[in-house]
Amino acid sequence: MNAPTPQKLRKQYANNTHPLIVLKFEDGHEIKIYQNTGKVFDAWSGETIKVMAVFDPTSSDWELLESRKADGFQDAEG
């Protein structure tokens, strides 16, 4: 028996606290969100997304703020 197909979700994230936040998805793609901006994105229900803070864009040293399921992000408006 096949597992049900995950539902695609439309979510959003606002960065008001760090110079740069990178959302890292399970499939390897990344979304950059600069301070005082936000982005709307698609994710799969149940997917884990890592929220990474970047204090120095020239460094590969990123700080993991949290790992959050896609369902836990705010729904996109509109």
C-alpha atoms as a PDB file:
ATOM      1  CA  MET A   1       0.000   0.000   0.000  1.00  0.00           C
ATOM      2  CA  ASN A   2       1.404   3.405  -0.970  1.00  0.00           C
ATOM      3  CA  ALA A   3       1.755   6.251   1.478  1.00  0.00           C
ATOM      4  CA  PRO A   4      -0.454   9.243   0.706  1.00  0.00           C
ATOM      5  CA  THR A   5       1.169  11.940  -1.412  1.00  0.00           C
ATOM      6  CA  PRO A   6       2.301  14.847   0.803  1.00  0.00           C
ATOM      7  CA  GLN A   7       0.372  18.059   0.448  1.00  0.00           C
ATOM      8  CA  LYS A   8       2.125  21.093  -1.028  1.00  0.00           C
ATOM      9  CA  LEU A   9       1.905  24.072   1.322  1.00  0.00           C
ATOM     10  CA  ARG A  10       2.258  27.809   0.629  1.00  0.00           C
ATOM     11  CA  LYS A  11       4.101  29.325   3.600  1.00  0.00           C
ATOM     12  CA  GLN A  12       5.934  32.530   4.490  1.00  0.00           C
ATOM     13  CA  TYR A  13       8.790  33.620   6.725  1.00  0.00           C
ATOM     14  CA  ALA A  14       9.779  37.124   7.850  1.00  0.00           C
ATOM     15  CA  ASN A  15      13.296  37.987   9.026  1.00  0.00           C
ATOM     16  CA  ASN A  16      13.330  40.929  11.417  1.00  0.00           C
ATOM     17  CA  THR A  17      16.258  39.899  13.599  1.00  0.00           C
ATOM     18  CA  HIS A  18      19.338  38.783  11.639  1.00  0.00           C
ATOM     19  CA  PRO A  19      21.379  40.262   8.748  1.00  0.00           C
ATOM     20  CA  LEU A  20      20.535  37.159   6.684  1.00  0.00           C
ATOM     21  CA  ILE A  21      18.456  34.030   7.257  1.00  0.00           C
ATOM     22  CA  VAL A  22      18.780  30.999   4.990  1.00  0.00           C
ATOM     23  CA  LEU A  23      16.008  28.415   4.873  1.00  0.00           C
ATOM     24  CA  LYS A  24      17.525  25.030   3.957  1.00  0.00           C
ATOM     25  CA  PHE A  25      15.123  22.450   2.545  1.00  0.00           C
ATOM     26  CA  GLU A  26      15.399  18.647   2.580  1.00  0.00           C
ATOM     27  CA  ASP A  27      15.960  18.527  -1.193  1.00  0.00           C
ATOM     28  CA  GLY A  28      19.003  20.799  -0.828  1.00  0.00           C
ATOM     29  CA  HIS A  29      17.644  24.101  -2.129  1.00  0.00           C
ATOM     30  CA  GLU A  30      17.971  27.280  -0.100  1.00  0.00           C
ATOM     31  CA  ILE A  31      16.062  30.539   0.184  1.00  0.00           C
ATOM     32  CA  LYS A  32      17.869  33.681   1.392  1.00  0.00           C
ATOM     33  CA  ILE A  33      15.867  36.212   3.386  1.00  0.00           C
ATOM     34  CA  TYR A  34      17.613  39.477   4.217  1.00  0.00           C
ATOM     35  CA  GLN A  35      16.848  41.470   7.351  1.00  0.00           C
ATOM     36  CA  ASN A  36      13.509  43.328   7.429  1.00  0.00           C
ATOM     37  CA  THR A  37      12.155  41.343   4.471  1.00  0.00           C
ATOM     38  CA  GLY A  38      10.076  38.230   4.056  1.00  0.00           C
ATOM     39  CA  LYS A  39       9.537  35.514   1.472  1.00  0.00           C
ATOM     40  CA  VAL A  40       6.700  33.239   0.432  1.00  0.00           C
ATOM     41  CA  PHE A  41       7.665  29.686  -0.486  1.00  0.00           C
ATOM     42  CA  ASP A  42       6.260  26.258  -1.279  1.00  0.00           C
ATOM     43  CA  ALA A  43       7.076  23.261   0.897  1.00  0.00           C
ATOM     44  CA  TRP A  44       5.731  19.763   1.424  1.00  0.00           C
ATOM     45  CA  SER A  45       3.674  18.887   4.467  1.00  0.00           C
ATOM     46  CA  GLY A  46       5.942  17.132   6.976  1.00  0.00           C
ATOM     47  CA  GLU A  47       9.171  18.434   5.380  1.00  0.00           C
ATOM     48  CA  THR A  48      11.823  19.636   7.826  1.00  0.00           C
ATOM     49  CA  ILE A  49      13.276  23.072   7.063  1.00  0.00           C
ATOM     50  CA  LYS A  50      16.417  24.345   8.802  1.00  0.00           C
ATOM     51  CA  VAL A  51      16.445  28.033   9.739  1.00  0.00           C
ATOM     52  CA  MET A  52      20.069  29.217   9.571  1.00  0.00           C
ATOM     53  CA  ALA A  53      21.408  32.635  10.663  1.00  0.00           C
ATOM     54  CA  VAL A  54      24.254  34.130   8.626  1.00  0.00           C
ATOM     55  CA  PHE A  55      26.147  36.902  10.404  1.00  0.00           C
ATOM     56  CA  ASP A  56      29.031  37.111   7.900  1.00  0.00           C
ATOM     57  CA  PRO A  57      28.101  36.437   4.246  1.00  0.00           C
ATOM     58  CA  THR A  58      31.765  35.748   3.394  1.00  0.00           C
ATOM     59  CA  SER A  59      31.901  32.919   5.943  1.00  0.00           C
ATOM     60  CA  SER A  60      30.454  29.437   5.606  1.00  0.00           C
ATOM     61  CA  ASP A  61      29.917  29.398   9.379  1.00  0.00           C
ATOM     62  CA  TRP A  62      26.145  29.509   9.737  1.00  0.00           C
ATOM     63  CA  GLU A  63      24.278  29.162  13.016  1.00  0.00           C
ATOM     64  CA  LEU A  64      21.341  26.748  13.181  1.00  0.00           C
ATOM     65  CA  LEU A  65      18.485  28.615  14.868  1.00  0.00           C
ATOM     66  CA  GLU A  66      15.934  25.817  14.583  1.00  0.00           C
ATOM     67  CA  SER A  67      14.655  22.919  12.526  1.00  0.00           C
ATOM     68  CA  ARG A  68      10.952  23.317  11.898  1.00  0.00           C
ATOM     69  CA  LYS A  69       8.378  21.267  10.023  1.00  0.00           C
ATOM     70  CA  ALA A  70       6.885  23.078   7.034  1.00  0.00           C
ATOM     71  CA  ASP A  71       3.458  22.855   8.670  1.00  0.00           C
ATOM     72  CA  GLY A  72       4.781  25.049  11.526  1.00  0.00           C
ATOM     73  CA  PHE A  73       5.510  28.082   9.340  1.00  0.00           C
ATOM     74  CA  GLN A  74       2.942  30.856   8.932  1.00  0.00           C
ATOM     75  CA  ASP A  75       0.530  30.366   6.026  1.00  0.00           C
ATOM     76  CA  ALA A  76       1.139  32.707   3.101  1.00  0.00           C
ATOM     77  CA  GLU A  77      -1.386  35.511   2.816  1.00  0.00           C
ATOM     78  CA  GLY A  78      -3.379  36.006  -0.345  1.00  0.00           C
END
